[in-house]
């Protein structure tokens, strides 16, 4: 008889998710998908708050990529008010974004995905402790890269997590020449680690693709932000869609996303699954993130990342649909972030005091996008005449990738028997595909009611007299 098998929660991803297997009458896997088991509710939480609070509130969605939400929100508020921020403020925002992206990429490659393929049989465990044990040199490099990115976020954003300085109209503060010099020195010192990480990602990716021949290569449209001339861009630009054969199929401003993207609700997940409206739900699912960005980009920010992109395409072609190539693409982006940070920090205007313009309160609609580490992030707000939010919608990177995540899970187990589907080798292959996307489930969904929270009431003697909740 039919059976549903729920596998244990997937480890080394941000948030809580598991794989469900659906067996037919003969005991073979008929369907499978990646369940996101947290409850989505942030859009409702934002209604009724003041529009200028959005950059601070939404940064609390996630502790891994708070900078991206902070900046997407403030860009949307700027759009609502119709303000043009000073150039120095834009440079500072982009610098903060690049610092956050670089440390986030290092976190995923070395700490979350890396234990799957960096240590071989030399690790005592498949986690960061295993990496430290087998390859202490890699652990040191990862810590250095993360420290550089977090320091830049703290100097520019006021805090290393959940920054506070991006405000409607610009930035609440600038940076000093001394801070600029310190950050520039850190970027110069970190470039060698970034290049080494990208070289390691190349070797690891080619090995993974060889060991998993044919897995995770289903062609899908790809979506990312591009600069005005098709260049690699993380902070500004328009959104482009590449068809499966490599043609640019569409290009649009974030403000027009509702005419291009349809969000659908899935019966088994608290995350929505968007699709391209013009293609319909059957053909319209797409991928975002580093793999999409490197497929679409016509040029990179500097000579080193440009050479790496050329090598990426020489080895794998264009477009690249293999999801395991996300790892190499992610580390090429790490190098691109360092090159762009060096350019920004070398711009004399980065130390300007002109970082803010006056903003007049009023009603309106504000929509903006930014490239989060995991892909395109869209923030959309509507506010009344006193600035109170009347509607909010967020489409985050992992939400865009839900169909791709389901695809790699089903591909690993389709038509397998129960024992084979639950074997260590099969589960590991599924997790390889999942972790390659670097899903951030706290961004895609927001849990209420089932959080690992226990509330205890303790009397003056230290005795627990009441308890609510469960870990």
Protein backbone atom coordinates (compact mmCIF):
# COMPACT_ATOMS: atom_id res chain seq x y z
CA UNK A 1 0.00 0.00 0.00
CA UNK A 2 1.15 3.61 -0.48
CA UNK A 3 3.45 4.97 2.22
CA UNK A 4 4.94 8.33 3.16
CA UNK A 5 8.45 8.32 4.65
CA UNK A 6 9.76 11.44 6.42
CA UNK A 7 13.54 11.55 6.61
CA UNK A 8 15.36 13.31 9.47
CA UNK A 9 15.96 17.06 9.17
CA UNK A 10 18.70 18.05 6.77
CA UNK A 11 21.80 19.25 8.62
CA UNK A 12 24.21 22.05 7.75
CA UNK A 13 21.65 24.34 6.14
CA UNK A 14 20.18 27.55 7.53
CA UNK A 15 16.77 26.73 8.98
CA UNK A 16 14.67 23.58 9.29
CA UNK A 17 13.72 21.29 6.41
CA UNK A 18 13.35 17.59 5.66
CA UNK A 19 12.78 15.24 2.74
CA UNK A 20 9.49 13.39 2.27
CA UNK A 21 9.32 10.23 0.14
CA UNK A 22 6.04 9.01 -1.34
CA UNK A 23 5.99 5.28 -2.09
CA UNK A 24 3.48 3.62 -4.43
CA UNK A 25 1.69 0.29 -3.91
CA UNK A 26 4.80 -1.64 -4.96
CA UNK A 27 7.07 0.18 -2.50
CA UNK A 28 8.85 2.28 -5.15
CA UNK A 29 9.38 6.04 -4.77
CA UNK A 30 6.73 7.75 -6.86
CA UNK A 31 7.36 11.31 -5.68
CA UNK A 32 9.60 13.20 -3.28
CA UNK A 33 10.08 16.77 -2.22
CA UNK A 34 11.94 19.00 0.19
CA UNK A 35 9.61 20.10 2.98
CA UNK A 36 10.20 23.52 4.51
CA UNK A 37 8.62 23.00 7.89
CA UNK A 38 8.62 26.54 9.28
CA UNK A 39 5.64 28.87 9.04
CA UNK A 40 5.81 31.94 6.78
CA UNK A 41 4.36 35.06 8.35
CA UNK A 42 6.65 38.09 8.10
CA UNK A 43 4.50 39.98 5.59
CA UNK A 44 1.64 40.00 8.12
CA UNK A 45 3.95 41.09 10.94
CA UNK A 46 5.01 44.15 8.94
CA UNK A 47 1.50 45.48 8.33
CA UNK A 48 0.66 48.36 10.63
CA UNK A 49 4.29 49.29 11.34
CA UNK A 50 5.79 52.52 10.01
CA UNK A 51 7.48 52.35 6.63
CA UNK A 52 10.82 53.73 7.85
CA UNK A 53 11.04 50.84 10.33
CA UNK A 54 11.27 48.27 7.53
CA UNK A 55 15.09 48.30 7.16
CA UNK A 56 15.50 47.47 10.87
CA UNK A 57 12.62 45.01 11.26
CA UNK A 58 13.30 42.96 8.14
CA UNK A 59 16.98 42.54 8.97
CA UNK A 60 15.75 40.34 11.84
CA UNK A 61 14.30 37.83 9.38
CA UNK A 62 17.64 36.06 9.30
CA UNK A 63 20.90 36.09 11.22
CA UNK A 64 22.87 34.82 8.21
CA UNK A 65 21.96 37.49 5.64
CA UNK A 66 20.50 40.44 7.61
CA UNK A 67 22.45 43.00 5.56
CA UNK A 68 20.67 41.99 2.36
CA UNK A 69 17.22 42.46 3.88
CA UNK A 70 18.33 45.74 5.48
CA UNK A 71 19.41 47.09 2.09
CA UNK A 72 16.54 45.68 0.02
CA UNK A 73 14.10 47.26 2.47
CA UNK A 74 15.76 50.68 2.47
CA UNK A 75 15.96 50.65 -1.34
CA UNK A 76 12.22 49.95 -1.45
CA UNK A 77 11.51 52.79 0.99
CA UNK A 78 13.66 55.14 -1.10
CA UNK A 79 11.64 54.09 -4.15
CA UNK A 80 8.38 54.79 -2.29
CA UNK A 81 9.56 58.28 -1.37
CA UNK A 82 11.09 58.90 -4.80
CA UNK A 83 14.47 60.01 -3.44
CA UNK A 84 17.87 59.84 -5.10
CA UNK A 85 20.52 59.15 -2.48
CA UNK A 86 24.00 60.75 -2.61
CA UNK A 87 26.69 58.82 -4.47
CA UNK A 88 28.75 58.38 -1.29
CA UNK A 89 25.76 56.72 0.41
CA UNK A 90 25.34 54.33 -2.50
CA UNK A 91 29.03 53.42 -2.34
CA UNK A 92 28.77 52.74 1.38
CA UNK A 93 25.67 50.60 0.98
CA UNK A 94 27.27 48.57 -1.79
CA UNK A 95 30.46 48.15 0.24
CA UNK A 96 28.45 46.83 3.19
CA UNK A 97 26.59 44.46 0.86
CA UNK A 98 29.80 43.12 -0.66
CA UNK A 99 31.34 42.56 2.77
CA UNK A 100 28.26 40.65 3.88
CA UNK A 101 28.14 38.57 0.70
CA UNK A 102 31.80 37.65 0.91
CA UNK A 103 31.62 36.42 4.50
CA UNK A 104 28.36 34.57 3.77
CA UNK A 105 29.90 32.76 0.79
CA UNK A 106 32.88 31.76 2.93
CA UNK A 107 30.55 30.50 5.66
CA UNK A 108 28.65 28.27 3.28
CA UNK A 109 31.60 26.90 1.31
CA UNK A 110 33.83 26.02 4.24
CA UNK A 111 31.43 25.44 7.14
CA UNK A 112 28.16 24.15 5.67
CA UNK A 113 28.79 22.51 2.28
CA UNK A 114 32.54 21.97 2.59
CA UNK A 115 32.44 19.00 4.97
CA UNK A 116 30.78 17.02 2.14
CA UNK A 117 33.77 17.26 -0.18
CA UNK A 118 36.78 19.13 1.26
CA UNK A 119 38.21 16.53 3.64
CA UNK A 120 37.76 13.15 1.97
CA UNK A 121 38.26 10.25 4.36
CA UNK A 122 40.57 12.27 6.59
CA UNK A 123 37.79 13.81 8.65
CA UNK A 124 36.51 12.32 11.85
CA UNK A 125 33.07 13.84 11.25
CA UNK A 126 31.22 15.53 8.40
CA UNK A 127 30.97 18.98 9.96
CA UNK A 128 33.20 21.97 10.64
CA UNK A 129 34.97 20.04 13.38
CA UNK A 130 35.92 17.47 10.77
CA UNK A 131 37.29 20.22 8.53
CA UNK A 132 39.32 21.65 11.42
CA UNK A 133 40.69 18.21 12.22
CA UNK A 134 41.56 17.17 8.67
CA UNK A 135 42.40 20.57 7.11
CA UNK A 136 43.24 23.20 9.75
CA UNK A 137 44.64 25.40 6.97
CA UNK A 138 41.18 25.62 5.40
CA UNK A 139 39.55 26.42 8.71
CA UNK A 140 42.00 29.30 9.25
CA UNK A 141 41.33 30.62 5.75
CA UNK A 142 37.57 30.47 6.30
CA UNK A 143 37.83 32.36 9.59
CA UNK A 144 40.00 35.04 7.99
CA UNK A 145 37.55 35.57 5.11
CA UNK A 146 34.59 35.74 7.45
CA UNK A 147 36.36 38.17 9.78
CA UNK A 148 37.17 40.53 6.92
CA UNK A 149 33.58 40.61 5.70
CA UNK A 150 32.10 41.02 9.16
CA UNK A 151 34.54 43.82 10.03
CA UNK A 152 33.50 45.74 6.92
CA UNK A 153 29.82 45.27 7.78
CA UNK A 154 30.45 46.51 11.32
CA UNK A 155 32.43 49.58 10.24
CA UNK A 156 29.91 50.62 7.62
CA UNK A 157 26.70 49.25 9.12
CA UNK A 158 27.34 50.00 12.78
CA UNK A 159 27.01 46.34 13.79
CA UNK A 160 28.46 43.08 12.48
CA UNK A 161 24.93 41.64 12.35
CA UNK A 162 21.59 43.39 11.88
CA UNK A 163 23.10 46.71 10.69
CA UNK A 164 21.43 50.03 11.44
CA UNK A 165 23.02 52.72 9.27
CA UNK A 166 21.11 52.46 5.96
CA UNK A 167 18.17 54.84 6.33
CA UNK A 168 15.63 56.35 3.92
CA UNK A 169 17.54 58.98 1.96
CA UNK A 170 20.99 57.47 2.39
CA UNK A 171 23.14 56.56 5.39
CA UNK A 172 23.08 57.75 8.98
CA UNK A 173 26.87 58.03 9.03
CA UNK A 174 29.90 57.87 6.79
CA UNK A 175 33.35 56.42 7.39
CA UNK A 176 36.66 58.07 8.25
CA UNK A 177 39.81 57.93 6.18
CA UNK A 178 41.37 55.76 8.88
CA UNK A 179 38.52 53.27 8.64
CA UNK A 180 38.80 53.29 4.86
CA UNK A 181 42.53 52.53 5.06
CA UNK A 182 41.96 49.71 7.55
CA UNK A 183 39.32 48.08 5.37
CA UNK A 184 41.42 48.48 2.24
CA UNK A 185 44.34 46.75 3.91
CA UNK A 186 42.09 43.88 5.01
CA UNK A 187 40.77 43.48 1.47
CA UNK A 188 44.29 43.43 0.04
CA UNK A 189 45.34 40.82 2.59
CA UNK A 190 42.24 38.70 2.02
CA UNK A 191 42.45 38.54 -1.76
CA UNK A 192 44.95 35.66 -1.71
CA UNK A 193 42.61 33.64 0.50
CA UNK A 194 39.69 34.39 -1.82
CA UNK A 195 41.66 33.27 -4.87
CA UNK A 196 42.79 30.11 -3.09
CA UNK A 197 39.18 29.38 -2.12
CA UNK A 198 38.06 29.76 -5.75
CA UNK A 199 40.85 27.42 -6.94
CA UNK A 200 39.79 24.88 -4.33
CA UNK A 201 36.16 25.24 -5.41
CA UNK A 202 37.14 24.56 -9.02
CA UNK A 203 38.91 21.34 -8.10
CA UNK A 204 36.10 20.26 -5.78
CA UNK A 205 33.39 21.01 -8.34
CA UNK A 206 35.04 19.07 -11.13
CA UNK A 207 35.54 16.13 -8.80
CA UNK A 208 31.90 16.27 -7.61
CA UNK A 209 30.58 16.45 -11.16
CA UNK A 210 32.71 13.48 -12.17
CA UNK A 211 31.59 11.43 -9.16
CA UNK A 212 27.92 12.35 -9.71
CA UNK A 213 27.76 12.18 -13.49
CA UNK A 214 24.38 13.28 -14.79
CA UNK A 215 22.96 14.28 -11.40
CA UNK A 216 21.33 17.68 -10.87
CA UNK A 217 21.64 18.89 -14.47
CA UNK A 218 18.00 19.49 -15.38
CA UNK A 219 17.84 22.63 -17.55
CA UNK A 220 15.78 25.47 -16.07
CA UNK A 221 15.50 29.19 -16.79
CA UNK A 222 17.94 31.30 -14.81
CA UNK A 223 17.24 34.69 -13.25
CA UNK A 224 19.55 37.36 -11.82
CA UNK A 225 20.27 41.07 -11.72
CA UNK A 226 22.50 42.59 -14.39
CA UNK A 227 24.11 45.98 -14.75
CA UNK A 228 23.19 48.36 -17.57
CA UNK A 229 25.65 46.69 -19.97
CA UNK A 230 25.04 43.14 -18.84
CA UNK A 231 27.81 43.22 -16.26
CA UNK A 232 27.88 41.26 -13.00
CA UNK A 233 25.95 43.28 -10.42
CA UNK A 234 24.83 42.55 -6.86
CA UNK A 235 23.44 45.87 -5.61
CA UNK A 236 21.64 47.62 -8.49
CA UNK A 237 20.42 46.96 -12.02
CA UNK A 238 17.50 45.24 -13.72
CA UNK A 239 16.37 41.62 -13.53
CA UNK A 240 17.11 39.35 -16.49
CA UNK A 241 15.89 35.86 -17.36
CA UNK A 242 17.98 33.41 -19.40
CA UNK A 243 16.20 30.58 -21.20
CA UNK A 244 17.45 27.00 -20.99
CA UNK A 245 19.42 27.40 -24.23
CA UNK A 246 21.24 30.55 -23.07
CA UNK A 247 19.09 33.21 -24.74
CA UNK A 248 18.10 36.28 -22.71
CA UNK A 249 14.34 35.79 -22.62
CA UNK A 250 13.26 38.81 -20.60
CA UNK A 251 14.55 41.83 -18.75
CA UNK A 252 12.56 44.01 -16.39
CA UNK A 253 12.77 46.42 -13.49
CA UNK A 254 11.97 45.09 -10.03
CA UNK A 255 8.95 47.41 -9.89
CA UNK A 256 7.35 45.28 -12.63
CA UNK A 257 7.88 41.92 -10.90
CA UNK A 258 4.13 41.32 -10.38
CA UNK A 259 3.64 41.17 -14.16
CA UNK A 260 6.53 38.72 -14.58
CA UNK A 261 6.38 36.42 -11.55
CA UNK A 262 3.45 34.49 -10.08
CA UNK A 263 3.68 33.07 -6.55
CA UNK A 264 1.90 29.79 -5.87
CA UNK A 265 1.22 28.04 -2.59
CA UNK A 266 2.38 24.45 -2.14
CA UNK A 267 0.28 22.03 -0.10
CA UNK A 268 3.32 20.46 1.58
CA UNK A 269 5.45 23.50 2.36
CA UNK A 270 5.29 26.84 4.14
CA UNK A 271 7.37 28.34 1.31
CA UNK A 272 5.77 29.53 -1.90
CA UNK A 273 7.09 28.42 -5.30
CA UNK A 274 7.22 31.28 -7.84
CA UNK A 275 7.15 30.75 -11.59
CA UNK A 276 7.52 32.94 -14.67
CA UNK A 277 4.01 34.06 -15.54
CA UNK A 278 4.64 34.01 -19.30
CA UNK A 279 5.59 30.32 -19.16
CA UNK A 280 2.94 29.10 -16.76
CA UNK A 281 3.32 26.81 -13.73
CA UNK A 282 4.46 23.73 -15.67
CA UNK A 283 7.42 25.35 -17.48
CA UNK A 284 7.97 28.51 -15.49
CA UNK A 285 10.09 27.41 -12.51
CA UNK A 286 13.60 28.87 -12.50
CA UNK A 287 16.88 29.06 -10.57
CA UNK A 288 18.59 32.04 -8.94
CA UNK A 289 21.87 32.57 -7.10
CA UNK A 290 25.57 32.36 -7.97
CA UNK A 291 25.04 29.84 -10.77
CA UNK A 292 22.43 32.06 -12.43
CA UNK A 293 24.51 35.21 -11.98
CA UNK A 294 27.61 33.73 -13.60
CA UNK A 295 25.58 32.32 -16.48
CA UNK A 296 24.01 35.69 -17.23
CA UNK A 297 26.95 38.05 -16.60
CA UNK A 298 28.75 39.39 -19.66
CA UNK A 299 31.64 40.78 -17.62
CA UNK A 300 33.06 40.72 -14.10
CA UNK A 301 34.35 43.53 -11.80
CA UNK A 302 38.06 42.83 -12.20
CA UNK A 303 40.73 40.89 -14.08
CA UNK A 304 40.98 37.94 -11.68
CA UNK A 305 37.26 37.19 -11.57
CA UNK A 306 37.11 37.72 -15.35
CA UNK A 307 39.76 35.04 -15.88
CA UNK A 308 37.93 32.73 -13.51
CA UNK A 309 34.62 33.22 -15.33
CA UNK A 310 36.35 32.39 -18.62
CA UNK A 311 37.77 29.20 -17.07
CA UNK A 312 34.35 28.31 -15.64
CA UNK A 313 32.78 28.53 -19.10
CA UNK A 314 35.70 26.78 -20.79
CA UNK A 315 35.31 23.80 -18.46
CA UNK A 316 31.51 23.64 -18.19
CA UNK A 317 30.08 25.59 -21.14
CA UNK A 318 27.34 28.20 -21.11
CA UNK A 319 24.73 27.98 -19.79
CA UNK A 320 25.70 25.69 -16.91
CA UNK A 321 22.74 23.84 -15.39
CA UNK A 322 24.62 21.47 -13.04
CA UNK A 323 23.60 22.46 -9.51
CA UNK A 324 26.84 21.11 -8.05
CA UNK A 325 28.60 23.90 -9.98
CA UNK A 326 27.04 26.39 -7.54
CA UNK A 327 30.11 25.87 -5.33
CA UNK A 328 32.59 27.05 -7.96
CA UNK A 329 30.35 29.93 -9.02
CA UNK A 330 30.01 31.02 -5.39
CA UNK A 331 33.77 31.27 -4.89
CA UNK A 332 34.28 33.14 -8.16
CA UNK A 333 31.77 35.62 -6.77
CA UNK A 334 33.84 35.81 -3.59
CA UNK A 335 36.81 36.98 -5.65
CA UNK A 336 34.56 39.42 -7.55
CA UNK A 337 33.40 40.88 -4.22
CA UNK A 338 37.00 41.52 -3.17
CA UNK A 339 37.82 43.19 -6.48
CA UNK A 340 34.74 45.42 -6.27
CA UNK A 341 35.42 46.28 -2.60
CA UNK A 342 38.92 47.38 -3.54
CA UNK A 343 37.52 49.61 -6.29
CA UNK A 344 34.97 51.21 -3.97
CA UNK A 345 37.44 51.75 -1.14
CA UNK A 346 39.86 53.39 -3.59
CA UNK A 347 37.21 55.93 -4.64
CA UNK A 348 37.89 59.27 -2.85
CA UNK A 349 34.15 59.91 -2.43
CA UNK A 350 33.80 56.94 -0.08
CA UNK A 351 34.89 59.23 2.77
CA UNK A 352 32.51 62.06 1.88
CA UNK A 353 30.25 63.49 4.56
CA UNK A 354 27.45 63.93 2.01
CA UNK A 355 25.62 60.69 2.79
CA UNK A 356 22.00 61.72 3.31
CA UNK A 357 19.18 63.74 1.75
CA UNK A 358 15.96 64.88 3.38
CA UNK A 359 12.93 62.63 2.96
CA UNK A 360 9.35 63.90 3.01
CA UNK A 361 6.70 61.62 4.49
CA UNK A 362 3.85 60.51 2.23
CA UNK A 363 1.85 57.58 0.86
CA UNK A 364 2.91 55.33 -1.95
CA UNK A 365 4.30 52.03 -3.19
CA UNK A 366 7.94 51.06 -2.99
CA UNK A 367 9.49 48.05 -4.73
CA UNK A 368 13.18 47.17 -4.99
CA UNK A 369 15.44 44.19 -5.51
CA UNK A 370 18.98 43.24 -4.63
CA UNK A 371 21.08 40.14 -5.17
CA UNK A 372 21.28 38.27 -1.87
CA UNK A 373 24.07 35.69 -1.51
CA UNK A 374 21.52 33.03 -2.54
CA UNK A 375 19.85 34.97 -5.33
CA UNK A 376 17.38 37.72 -6.19
CA UNK A 377 15.56 39.29 -3.24
CA UNK A 378 12.47 41.48 -3.79
CA UNK A 379 10.88 43.77 -1.18
CA UNK A 380 7.51 45.42 -1.86
CA UNK A 381 5.71 47.84 0.49
CA UNK A 382 2.60 49.98 0.34
CA UNK A 383 2.05 52.77 2.87
CA UNK A 384 -0.73 55.22 3.72
CA UNK A 385 -0.45 58.98 4.07
CA UNK A 386 1.02 58.80 7.59
CA UNK A 387 3.62 56.21 6.58
CA UNK A 388 1.89 53.15 8.00
CA UNK A 389 2.50 49.92 6.05
CA UNK A 390 -0.76 48.64 4.57
CA UNK A 391 0.70 45.76 2.54
CA UNK A 392 4.04 43.98 2.25
CA UNK A 393 5.42 41.19 0.09
CA UNK A 394 8.88 39.61 0.14
CA UNK A 395 10.18 37.11 -2.41
CA UNK A 396 13.47 35.73 -1.15
CA UNK A 397 16.13 33.76 -3.00
CA UNK A 398 15.38 30.37 -1.52
CA UNK A 399 11.71 30.79 -2.42
CA UNK A 400 12.71 31.21 -6.08
CA UNK A 401 14.71 27.98 -5.84
CA UNK A 402 12.03 25.77 -4.24
CA UNK A 403 11.26 23.94 -7.50
CA UNK A 404 14.95 23.32 -8.15
CA UNK A 405 15.37 21.95 -4.61
CA UNK A 406 12.44 19.59 -5.12
CA UNK A 407 13.95 18.54 -8.44
CA UNK A 408 17.30 17.40 -7.05
CA UNK A 409 15.57 15.46 -4.28
CA UNK A 410 13.26 13.60 -6.64
CA UNK A 411 16.05 12.96 -9.15
CA UNK A 412 18.11 11.16 -6.50
CA UNK A 413 15.34 8.73 -5.51
CA UNK A 414 12.92 8.39 -8.44
CA UNK A 415 11.75 4.75 -8.87
CA UNK A 416 14.04 3.55 -6.06
CA UNK A 417 12.79 1.13 -3.45
CA UNK A 418 12.36 2.21 0.14
CA UNK A 419 15.64 0.70 1.37
CA UNK A 420 17.64 2.16 -1.51
CA UNK A 421 16.02 5.58 -1.11
CA UNK A 422 16.90 5.63 2.59
CA UNK A 423 20.46 4.35 2.14
CA UNK A 424 23.36 6.52 3.26
CA UNK A 425 24.58 6.96 -0.34
CA UNK A 426 21.20 8.14 -1.63
CA UNK A 427 20.57 10.47 1.30
CA UNK A 428 24.03 11.94 0.88
CA UNK A 429 23.38 12.61 -2.82
CA UNK A 430 20.11 14.36 -2.01
CA UNK A 431 21.83 16.47 0.61
CA UNK A 432 24.62 17.33 -1.84
CA UNK A 433 22.01 18.78 -4.20
CA UNK A 434 20.18 20.60 -1.43
CA UNK A 435 23.28 22.15 0.13
CA UNK A 436 24.63 23.23 -3.27
CA UNK A 437 21.74 25.73 -3.42
CA UNK A 438 22.71 27.06 0.04
CA UNK A 439 19.05 27.28 1.12
CA UNK A 440 18.18 29.83 3.78
CA UNK A 441 14.91 28.57 5.19
CA UNK A 442 14.58 31.29 7.83
CA UNK A 443 14.43 33.78 4.96
CA UNK A 444 12.01 31.71 2.90
CA UNK A 445 9.74 31.03 5.89
CA UNK A 446 9.32 32.36 9.40
CA UNK A 447 8.33 30.03 12.18
CA UNK A 448 5.63 30.76 14.72
CA UNK A 449 4.39 28.22 17.23
CA UNK A 450 6.95 25.46 16.83
CA UNK A 451 10.17 27.24 17.65
CA UNK A 452 12.69 25.45 19.89
CA UNK A 453 11.63 27.61 22.83
CA UNK A 454 10.90 26.72 26.43
CA UNK A 455 9.49 29.29 28.88
CA UNK A 456 10.06 28.47 32.57
CA UNK A 457 8.56 30.15 35.64
CA UNK A 458 11.02 29.89 38.54
CA UNK A 459 10.29 30.82 42.15
CA UNK A 460 12.79 32.69 44.38
CA UNK A 461 14.23 29.36 45.58
CA UNK A 462 15.13 28.32 42.03
CA UNK A 463 12.36 25.74 41.69
CA UNK A 464 10.65 25.48 38.29
CA UNK A 465 6.96 25.89 39.07
CA UNK A 466 5.64 26.00 35.48
CA UNK A 467 6.90 25.24 31.99
CA UNK A 468 5.52 25.89 28.53
CA UNK A 469 6.89 24.84 25.14
CA UNK A 470 9.24 22.13 24.00
CA UNK A 471 12.72 22.02 22.53
